[in-house]
Amino acid sequence: MKELHNPLADPFFDGLDEHVKPLALELRELIFEASDKMSEEIKWSKPSYSHDGLVCYLQPAKTHVNFGFYQGAQLPDYGNLLEGDGTKMRHIRIHKLSDIQPEPFKSLIWEAIEFNQK
């Protein structure tokens, strides 16, 4: 099986605070579960994920991780999960592992990939 993680991104995750590290790692795995064609790189000082264009990113803060979508304003948000009011980007604020909703989050990832393919 192809290694999906980019080893160049590992130091970013290794250096995270103990509160947000498990959140970021869980989201990282979920992103790769959603698409095995996702590429990972550090862009703009955060892990960014691409599949036919920019899809999503992880932005750790002191008490949470923002799970963001580069084209979030264009995505159907059936679960009202996305926050933000910019013209393009939206995010979901994750404070604890139980905030992670695998199926709705994967649906947003698939919608973002589909948006890039149009």
Protein backbone atom coordinates (compact mmCIF):
# COMPACT_ATOMS: atom_id res chain seq x y z
CA MET A 1 0.00 0.00 0.00
CA LYS A 2 1.20 3.48 -0.86
CA GLU A 3 2.37 5.58 2.11
CA LEU A 4 -0.07 8.49 2.18
CA HIS A 5 1.61 10.61 4.83
CA ASN A 6 4.29 12.95 3.65
CA PRO A 7 7.29 12.33 5.94
CA LEU A 8 8.21 16.00 5.54
CA ALA A 9 4.99 16.87 7.42
CA ASP A 10 5.75 14.56 10.36
CA PRO A 11 7.87 17.13 12.25
CA PHE A 12 4.92 19.52 12.21
CA PHE A 13 2.71 16.97 13.94
CA ASP A 14 5.50 15.84 16.29
CA GLY A 15 5.90 19.41 17.54
CA LEU A 16 2.25 19.98 18.45
CA ASP A 17 1.05 20.60 21.99
CA GLU A 18 -0.20 17.46 23.75
CA HIS A 19 -3.80 18.76 23.79
CA VAL A 20 -4.14 19.37 20.04
CA LYS A 21 -1.78 16.69 18.70
CA PRO A 22 -4.30 13.79 18.99
CA LEU A 23 -6.96 15.96 17.31
CA ALA A 24 -4.68 16.82 14.40
CA LEU A 25 -3.50 13.22 13.98
CA GLU A 26 -7.07 11.89 13.99
CA LEU A 27 -8.12 14.44 11.37
CA ARG A 28 -5.04 13.60 9.29
CA GLU A 29 -6.07 9.93 9.22
CA LEU A 30 -9.66 10.82 8.36
CA ILE A 31 -8.50 12.92 5.40
CA PHE A 32 -6.53 9.99 3.98
CA GLU A 33 -9.46 7.62 4.62
CA ALA A 34 -11.62 9.92 2.50
CA SER A 35 -9.20 9.85 -0.43
CA ASP A 36 -6.14 7.73 -1.03
CA LYS A 37 -5.17 10.16 -3.79
CA MET A 38 -4.80 13.07 -1.38
CA SER A 39 -1.39 14.70 -1.24
CA GLU A 40 -0.06 16.27 1.93
CA GLU A 41 2.34 19.16 2.23
CA ILE A 42 3.08 22.05 4.55
CA LYS A 43 1.74 25.24 2.92
CA TRP A 44 1.36 28.56 4.67
CA SER A 45 2.80 26.99 7.86
CA LYS A 46 0.10 24.30 8.15
CA PRO A 47 -0.63 20.85 6.74
CA SER A 48 -2.55 21.25 3.50
CA TYR A 49 -4.22 18.53 1.47
CA SER A 50 -4.77 18.52 -2.28
CA HIS A 51 -6.62 16.37 -4.77
CA ASP A 52 -7.05 18.03 -8.17
CA GLY A 53 -6.45 21.31 -6.33
CA LEU A 54 -6.47 22.50 -2.73
CA VAL A 55 -9.04 20.67 -0.60
CA CYS A 56 -8.51 21.16 3.13
CA TYR A 57 -6.04 22.07 5.86
CA LEU A 58 -5.37 21.66 9.57
CA GLN A 59 -4.61 24.74 11.62
CA PRO A 60 -3.79 23.96 15.24
CA ALA A 61 -4.34 26.60 17.91
CA LYS A 62 -3.75 26.49 21.66
CA THR A 63 -7.07 24.79 22.59
CA HIS A 64 -8.41 23.47 19.28
CA VAL A 65 -7.70 22.55 15.67
CA ASN A 66 -9.42 24.27 12.78
CA PHE A 67 -10.26 21.73 10.09
CA GLY A 68 -10.56 24.06 7.13
CA PHE A 69 -11.72 23.90 3.55
CA TYR A 70 -10.14 26.17 0.98
CA GLN A 71 -13.36 26.43 -1.03
CA GLY A 72 -15.66 25.97 1.96
CA ALA A 73 -18.01 28.81 1.00
CA GLN A 74 -18.81 26.89 -2.20
CA LEU A 75 -19.57 23.55 -0.52
CA PRO A 76 -22.98 22.27 0.48
CA ASP A 77 -22.93 22.18 4.28
CA TYR A 78 -25.83 19.87 5.08
CA GLY A 79 -24.85 19.53 8.73
CA ASN A 80 -24.25 23.25 9.32
CA LEU A 81 -20.72 22.37 10.41
CA LEU A 82 -18.71 25.08 8.66
CA GLU A 83 -17.87 28.38 10.35
CA GLY A 84 -16.52 31.59 8.88
CA ASP A 85 -17.70 34.36 6.66
CA GLY A 86 -14.89 34.82 4.16
CA THR A 87 -15.52 34.72 0.44
CA LYS A 88 -13.86 31.30 0.04
CA MET A 89 -12.59 29.52 3.15
CA ARG A 90 -14.58 27.89 5.95
CA HIS A 91 -13.55 25.73 8.92
CA ILE A 92 -14.81 23.43 11.65
CA ARG A 93 -13.40 24.07 15.12
CA ILE A 94 -12.40 20.83 16.87
CA HIS A 95 -11.89 21.01 20.65
CA LYS A 96 -12.00 17.31 21.54
CA LEU A 97 -11.90 13.95 19.78
CA SER A 98 -15.66 13.53 20.17
CA ASP A 99 -16.15 16.65 17.99
CA ILE A 100 -14.84 14.67 15.01
CA GLN A 101 -17.72 13.34 12.91
CA PRO A 102 -16.17 10.95 10.38
CA GLU A 103 -19.01 10.60 7.89
CA PRO A 104 -20.05 14.28 7.65
CA PHE A 105 -16.40 15.35 7.50
CA LYS A 106 -15.64 12.83 4.73
CA SER A 107 -18.69 14.08 2.83
CA LEU A 108 -17.28 17.62 2.94
CA ILE A 109 -13.92 16.32 1.71
CA TRP A 110 -15.63 14.50 -1.19
CA GLU A 111 -17.63 17.64 -2.02
CA ALA A 112 -14.41 19.67 -2.05
CA ILE A 113 -12.72 17.18 -4.37
CA GLU A 114 -15.76 17.20 -6.64
CA PHE A 115 -15.70 21.02 -6.65
CA ASN A 116 -12.06 20.93 -7.79
CA GLN A 117 -12.90 18.53 -10.62
CA LYS A 118 -15.52 20.85 -12.15
